[in-house]
Amino acid sequence: MVLKIKRGDECALAVRVVLDGQAIGTEDVDTAEFCLGRALRKLYPGEVEYSASEGAFLLPLTQEETFALPADTALPLDVRVKFTDGDVLGSTRMGAVAVYDSISEVIL
């Protein structure tokens, strides 16, 4: 999976988390950590929401955050989940997010 964003975008990335071949929802999740390279780290619950209708976690990115990402790179998206029983498991690498440069660096 390669997602594409442009520096300055403000959006939410829909992330479907799969562990051991099974998609997970939130029923057994205590905390989930979403890392975009080493540049960005957000947690569920709190900064990241879950959309039952999409079956995905929604990782929000602000204009300020995407402008801070290095241009013309592909950043790995990594997810770790702490379950209510205390187990902590990392998802297989979720793919990458391609970050394209923007001519303008003005927040709209």
N, C-alpha and C. Protein backbone atom coordinates (compact mmCIF):
# COMPACT_ATOMS: atom_id res chain seq x y z
N MET A 1 0.84 -1.17 0.00
CA MET A 1 0.00 0.00 0.00
C MET A 1 0.88 1.24 0.00
N VAL A 2 0.70 2.10 -0.98
CA VAL A 2 1.40 3.38 -1.00
C VAL A 2 0.34 4.47 -1.06
N LEU A 3 0.30 5.27 -0.02
CA LEU A 3 -0.58 6.43 0.01
C LEU A 3 0.22 7.63 -0.47
N LYS A 4 -0.47 8.60 -1.03
CA LYS A 4 0.20 9.79 -1.53
C LYS A 4 -0.41 11.02 -0.89
N ILE A 5 0.46 11.88 -0.36
CA ILE A 5 0.03 13.17 0.16
C ILE A 5 1.00 14.23 -0.34
N LYS A 6 0.55 15.46 -0.28
CA LYS A 6 1.39 16.59 -0.66
C LYS A 6 1.64 17.42 0.59
N ARG A 7 2.84 17.95 0.73
CA ARG A 7 3.11 18.81 1.88
C ARG A 7 2.09 19.94 1.88
N GLY A 8 1.49 20.20 3.03
CA GLY A 8 0.45 21.21 3.16
C GLY A 8 -0.95 20.63 3.13
N ASP A 9 -1.08 19.35 2.80
CA ASP A 9 -2.40 18.70 2.86
C ASP A 9 -2.89 18.63 4.30
N GLU A 10 -4.19 18.72 4.48
CA GLU A 10 -4.82 18.45 5.77
C GLU A 10 -5.87 17.38 5.50
N CYS A 11 -5.65 16.20 6.07
CA CYS A 11 -6.51 15.07 5.74
C CYS A 11 -6.42 14.02 6.84
N ALA A 12 -7.22 12.99 6.72
CA ALA A 12 -7.14 11.84 7.62
C ALA A 12 -6.86 10.62 6.77
N LEU A 13 -5.80 9.92 7.09
CA LEU A 13 -5.46 8.69 6.38
C LEU A 13 -6.23 7.53 6.99
N ALA A 14 -6.95 6.79 6.17
CA ALA A 14 -7.69 5.61 6.64
C ALA A 14 -6.71 4.44 6.68
N VAL A 15 -6.50 3.89 7.88
CA VAL A 15 -5.53 2.83 8.07
C VAL A 15 -6.25 1.58 8.57
N ARG A 16 -6.24 0.53 7.77
CA ARG A 16 -6.81 -0.75 8.19
C ARG A 16 -5.69 -1.59 8.79
N VAL A 17 -5.84 -1.95 10.05
CA VAL A 17 -4.79 -2.68 10.75
C VAL A 17 -5.09 -4.17 10.69
N VAL A 18 -4.11 -4.92 10.24
CA VAL A 18 -4.23 -6.38 10.12
C VAL A 18 -3.13 -7.03 10.95
N LEU A 19 -3.53 -7.92 11.86
CA LEU A 19 -2.58 -8.69 12.66
C LEU A 19 -2.89 -10.17 12.47
N ASP A 20 -1.88 -10.94 12.16
CA ASP A 20 -2.05 -12.37 11.93
C ASP A 20 -3.13 -12.65 10.89
N GLY A 21 -3.20 -11.81 9.87
CA GLY A 21 -4.15 -12.01 8.79
C GLY A 21 -5.57 -11.56 9.09
N GLN A 22 -5.81 -11.02 10.29
CA GLN A 22 -7.15 -10.59 10.68
C GLN A 22 -7.19 -9.08 10.87
N ALA A 23 -8.18 -8.43 10.25
CA ALA A 23 -8.39 -7.00 10.48
C ALA A 23 -8.88 -6.81 11.90
N ILE A 24 -8.40 -5.78 12.57
CA ILE A 24 -8.84 -5.54 13.94
C ILE A 24 -9.68 -4.28 14.02
N GLY A 25 -10.62 -4.29 14.93
CA GLY A 25 -11.42 -3.11 15.26
C GLY A 25 -10.92 -2.59 16.59
N THR A 26 -11.84 -2.10 17.41
CA THR A 26 -11.42 -1.50 18.67
C THR A 26 -11.87 -2.29 19.90
N GLU A 27 -12.66 -3.34 19.69
CA GLU A 27 -13.26 -4.03 20.83
C GLU A 27 -12.24 -4.57 21.83
N ASP A 28 -11.08 -5.01 21.39
CA ASP A 28 -10.06 -5.56 22.30
C ASP A 28 -8.81 -4.69 22.38
N VAL A 29 -8.89 -3.46 21.87
CA VAL A 29 -7.73 -2.58 21.81
C VAL A 29 -7.73 -1.61 22.99
N ASP A 30 -6.60 -1.58 23.71
CA ASP A 30 -6.42 -0.59 24.77
C ASP A 30 -5.81 0.68 24.17
N THR A 31 -4.72 0.50 23.42
CA THR A 31 -4.00 1.62 22.80
C THR A 31 -3.43 1.16 21.47
N ALA A 32 -3.39 2.05 20.51
CA ALA A 32 -2.71 1.78 19.24
C ALA A 32 -1.80 2.96 18.93
N GLU A 33 -0.59 2.65 18.49
CA GLU A 33 0.40 3.67 18.16
C GLU A 33 0.61 3.68 16.65
N PHE A 34 0.50 4.86 16.04
CA PHE A 34 0.68 5.03 14.60
C PHE A 34 1.89 5.94 14.39
N CYS A 35 2.91 5.43 13.69
CA CYS A 35 4.11 6.22 13.43
C CYS A 35 4.28 6.38 11.93
N LEU A 36 4.51 7.60 11.52
CA LEU A 36 4.79 7.91 10.12
C LEU A 36 6.27 8.27 10.07
N GLY A 37 7.09 7.29 9.67
CA GLY A 37 8.54 7.46 9.76
C GLY A 37 8.89 7.78 11.21
N ARG A 38 9.90 8.58 11.39
CA ARG A 38 10.24 9.05 12.74
C ARG A 38 9.72 10.47 12.95
N ALA A 39 8.95 10.95 11.97
CA ALA A 39 8.51 12.34 11.98
C ALA A 39 7.21 12.57 12.76
N LEU A 40 6.38 11.53 12.90
CA LEU A 40 5.05 11.74 13.46
C LEU A 40 4.61 10.50 14.24
N ARG A 41 4.05 10.73 15.43
CA ARG A 41 3.53 9.64 16.26
C ARG A 41 2.22 10.09 16.86
N LYS A 42 1.16 9.27 16.67
CA LYS A 42 -0.15 9.58 17.25
C LYS A 42 -0.74 8.31 17.85
N LEU A 43 -1.62 8.50 18.84
CA LEU A 43 -2.19 7.38 19.58
C LEU A 43 -3.71 7.31 19.44
N TYR A 44 -4.19 6.06 19.47
CA TYR A 44 -5.61 5.77 19.64
C TYR A 44 -5.75 5.19 21.03
N PRO A 45 -6.71 5.58 21.84
CA PRO A 45 -7.68 6.65 21.60
C PRO A 45 -7.04 8.01 21.87
N GLY A 46 -7.69 9.01 21.40
CA GLY A 46 -7.21 10.38 21.59
C GLY A 46 -7.02 11.07 20.27
N GLU A 47 -5.81 10.96 19.72
CA GLU A 47 -5.50 11.68 18.48
C GLU A 47 -6.04 10.96 17.24
N VAL A 48 -6.18 9.66 17.32
CA VAL A 48 -6.65 8.85 16.20
C VAL A 48 -8.04 8.33 16.54
N GLU A 49 -8.94 8.35 15.57
CA GLU A 49 -10.30 7.83 15.77
C GLU A 49 -10.46 6.54 14.99
N TYR A 50 -11.53 5.81 15.30
CA TYR A 50 -11.85 4.60 14.55
C TYR A 50 -13.20 4.81 13.87
N SER A 51 -13.27 4.49 12.59
CA SER A 51 -14.52 4.59 11.84
C SER A 51 -15.03 3.17 11.59
N ALA A 52 -16.11 2.81 12.27
CA ALA A 52 -16.69 1.48 12.07
C ALA A 52 -17.22 1.34 10.65
N SER A 53 -17.75 2.42 10.08
CA SER A 53 -18.30 2.34 8.73
C SER A 53 -17.21 2.06 7.69
N GLU A 54 -15.98 2.56 7.94
CA GLU A 54 -14.88 2.31 7.02
C GLU A 54 -14.05 1.10 7.44
N GLY A 55 -14.24 0.66 8.69
CA GLY A 55 -13.43 -0.44 9.20
C GLY A 55 -11.96 -0.06 9.28
N ALA A 56 -11.71 1.21 9.62
CA ALA A 56 -10.33 1.72 9.60
C ALA A 56 -10.14 2.77 10.69
N PHE A 57 -8.89 2.87 11.12
CA PHE A 57 -8.50 3.96 12.01
C PHE A 57 -8.24 5.17 11.13
N LEU A 58 -8.60 6.35 11.62
CA LEU A 58 -8.42 7.58 10.86
C LEU A 58 -7.29 8.39 11.50
N LEU A 59 -6.17 8.45 10.80
CA LEU A 59 -4.98 9.14 11.28
C LEU A 59 -4.99 10.57 10.73
N PRO A 60 -5.34 11.55 11.59
CA PRO A 60 -5.46 12.92 11.09
C PRO A 60 -4.09 13.59 10.93
N LEU A 61 -3.97 14.35 9.86
CA LEU A 61 -2.76 15.12 9.60
C LEU A 61 -3.16 16.56 9.35
N THR A 62 -2.51 17.48 10.04
CA THR A 62 -2.78 18.91 9.83
C THR A 62 -1.83 19.46 8.76
N GLN A 63 -2.15 20.66 8.29
CA GLN A 63 -1.26 21.31 7.32
C GLN A 63 0.13 21.50 7.92
N GLU A 64 0.18 21.91 9.18
CA GLU A 64 1.47 22.11 9.85
C GLU A 64 2.28 20.81 9.89
N GLU A 65 1.61 19.71 10.18
CA GLU A 65 2.30 18.42 10.27
C GLU A 65 2.81 17.96 8.91
N THR A 66 2.00 18.13 7.87
CA THR A 66 2.46 17.67 6.56
C THR A 66 3.55 18.58 5.98
N PHE A 67 3.49 19.88 6.30
CA PHE A 67 4.58 20.76 5.87
C PHE A 67 5.89 20.38 6.56
N ALA A 68 5.82 19.82 7.75
CA ALA A 68 7.02 19.43 8.50
C ALA A 68 7.64 18.11 7.99
N LEU A 69 6.91 17.37 7.15
CA LEU A 69 7.43 16.11 6.64
C LEU A 69 8.47 16.38 5.55
N PRO A 70 9.47 15.52 5.45
CA PRO A 70 10.47 15.72 4.39
C PRO A 70 9.85 15.50 3.01
N ALA A 71 10.18 16.40 2.09
CA ALA A 71 9.61 16.34 0.75
C ALA A 71 10.25 15.25 -0.10
N ASP A 72 9.48 14.77 -1.06
CA ASP A 72 9.96 13.80 -2.04
C ASP A 72 10.57 12.56 -1.39
N THR A 73 9.84 12.05 -0.40
CA THR A 73 10.26 10.83 0.29
C THR A 73 9.08 9.88 0.42
N ALA A 74 9.38 8.66 0.79
CA ALA A 74 8.34 7.70 1.13
C ALA A 74 8.59 7.29 2.57
N LEU A 75 7.69 7.69 3.46
CA LEU A 75 7.84 7.41 4.88
C LEU A 75 7.09 6.13 5.24
N PRO A 76 7.73 5.21 5.96
CA PRO A 76 7.03 3.99 6.37
C PRO A 76 5.94 4.31 7.39
N LEU A 77 4.83 3.60 7.29
CA LEU A 77 3.75 3.71 8.26
C LEU A 77 3.80 2.46 9.12
N ASP A 78 3.98 2.64 10.42
CA ASP A 78 4.14 1.52 11.33
C ASP A 78 3.07 1.61 12.42
N VAL A 79 2.51 0.46 12.80
CA VAL A 79 1.45 0.43 13.81
C VAL A 79 1.77 -0.64 14.84
N ARG A 80 1.62 -0.28 16.12
CA ARG A 80 1.71 -1.24 17.22
C ARG A 80 0.43 -1.14 18.03
N VAL A 81 -0.06 -2.28 18.51
CA VAL A 81 -1.33 -2.32 19.23
C VAL A 81 -1.13 -2.97 20.59
N LYS A 82 -1.64 -2.31 21.63
CA LYS A 82 -1.69 -2.90 22.97
C LYS A 82 -3.13 -3.32 23.21
N PHE A 83 -3.31 -4.60 23.44
CA PHE A 83 -4.64 -5.16 23.64
C PHE A 83 -5.05 -5.09 25.11
N THR A 84 -6.32 -5.23 25.36
CA THR A 84 -6.84 -5.15 26.74
C THR A 84 -6.28 -6.25 27.63
N ASP A 85 -5.79 -7.36 27.04
CA ASP A 85 -5.20 -8.43 27.85
C ASP A 85 -3.73 -8.18 28.16
N GLY A 86 -3.18 -7.03 27.67
CA GLY A 86 -1.80 -6.66 27.95
C GLY A 86 -0.82 -6.98 26.84
N ASP A 87 -1.19 -7.83 25.89
CA ASP A 87 -0.30 -8.15 24.77
C ASP A 87 -0.06 -6.91 23.91
N VAL A 88 1.16 -6.76 23.44
CA VAL A 88 1.51 -5.69 22.51
C VAL A 88 2.08 -6.34 21.26
N LEU A 89 1.43 -6.07 20.13
CA LEU A 89 1.85 -6.65 18.86
C LEU A 89 2.00 -5.56 17.80
N GLY A 90 3.04 -5.71 17.00
CA GLY A 90 3.24 -4.80 15.89
C GLY A 90 2.64 -5.38 14.64
N SER A 91 1.97 -4.54 13.89
CA SER A 91 1.43 -4.96 12.60
C SER A 91 2.59 -5.08 11.62
N THR A 92 2.42 -5.94 10.63
CA THR A 92 3.43 -5.95 9.58
C THR A 92 3.47 -4.55 8.99
N ARG A 93 4.60 -4.17 8.45
CA ARG A 93 4.74 -2.81 7.92
C ARG A 93 3.57 -2.49 7.03
N MET A 94 2.91 -1.38 7.30
CA MET A 94 1.67 -1.02 6.64
C MET A 94 1.90 -0.44 5.24
N GLY A 95 3.12 -0.31 4.83
CA GLY A 95 3.41 0.30 3.54
C GLY A 95 4.07 1.63 3.76
N ALA A 96 3.90 2.51 2.81
CA ALA A 96 4.57 3.81 2.89
C ALA A 96 3.61 4.92 2.48
N VAL A 97 3.97 6.11 2.93
CA VAL A 97 3.24 7.31 2.53
C VAL A 97 4.22 8.15 1.72
N ALA A 98 3.92 8.33 0.45
CA ALA A 98 4.76 9.16 -0.42
C ALA A 98 4.40 10.62 -0.16
N VAL A 99 5.41 11.42 0.12
CA VAL A 99 5.22 12.83 0.43
C VAL A 99 5.79 13.66 -0.71
N TYR A 100 4.91 14.38 -1.38
CA TYR A 100 5.32 15.23 -2.50
C TYR A 100 5.49 16.67 -2.04
N ASP A 101 6.42 17.37 -2.65
CA ASP A 101 6.70 18.76 -2.28
C ASP A 101 5.58 19.68 -2.76
N SER A 102 5.49 20.82 -2.13
CA SER A 102 4.53 21.85 -2.49
C SER A 102 5.29 23.14 -2.80
N ILE A 103 4.85 23.84 -3.82
CA ILE A 103 5.50 25.13 -4.13
C ILE A 103 5.20 26.13 -3.02
N SER A 104 3.95 26.21 -2.62
CA SER A 104 3.54 27.13 -1.56
C SER A 104 3.76 26.47 -0.21
N GLU A 105 4.18 27.25 0.77
CA GLU A 105 4.29 26.76 2.14
C GLU A 105 3.47 27.64 3.07
N VAL A 106 2.33 28.10 2.56
CA VAL A 106 1.45 28.97 3.33
C VAL A 106 0.29 28.14 3.86
N ILE A 107 0.00 28.30 5.16
CA ILE A 107 -1.14 27.62 5.77
C ILE A 107 -2.41 28.31 5.29
N LEU A 108 -3.35 27.55 4.77
CA LEU A 108 -4.62 28.12 4.30
C LEU A 108 -5.67 28.05 5.39
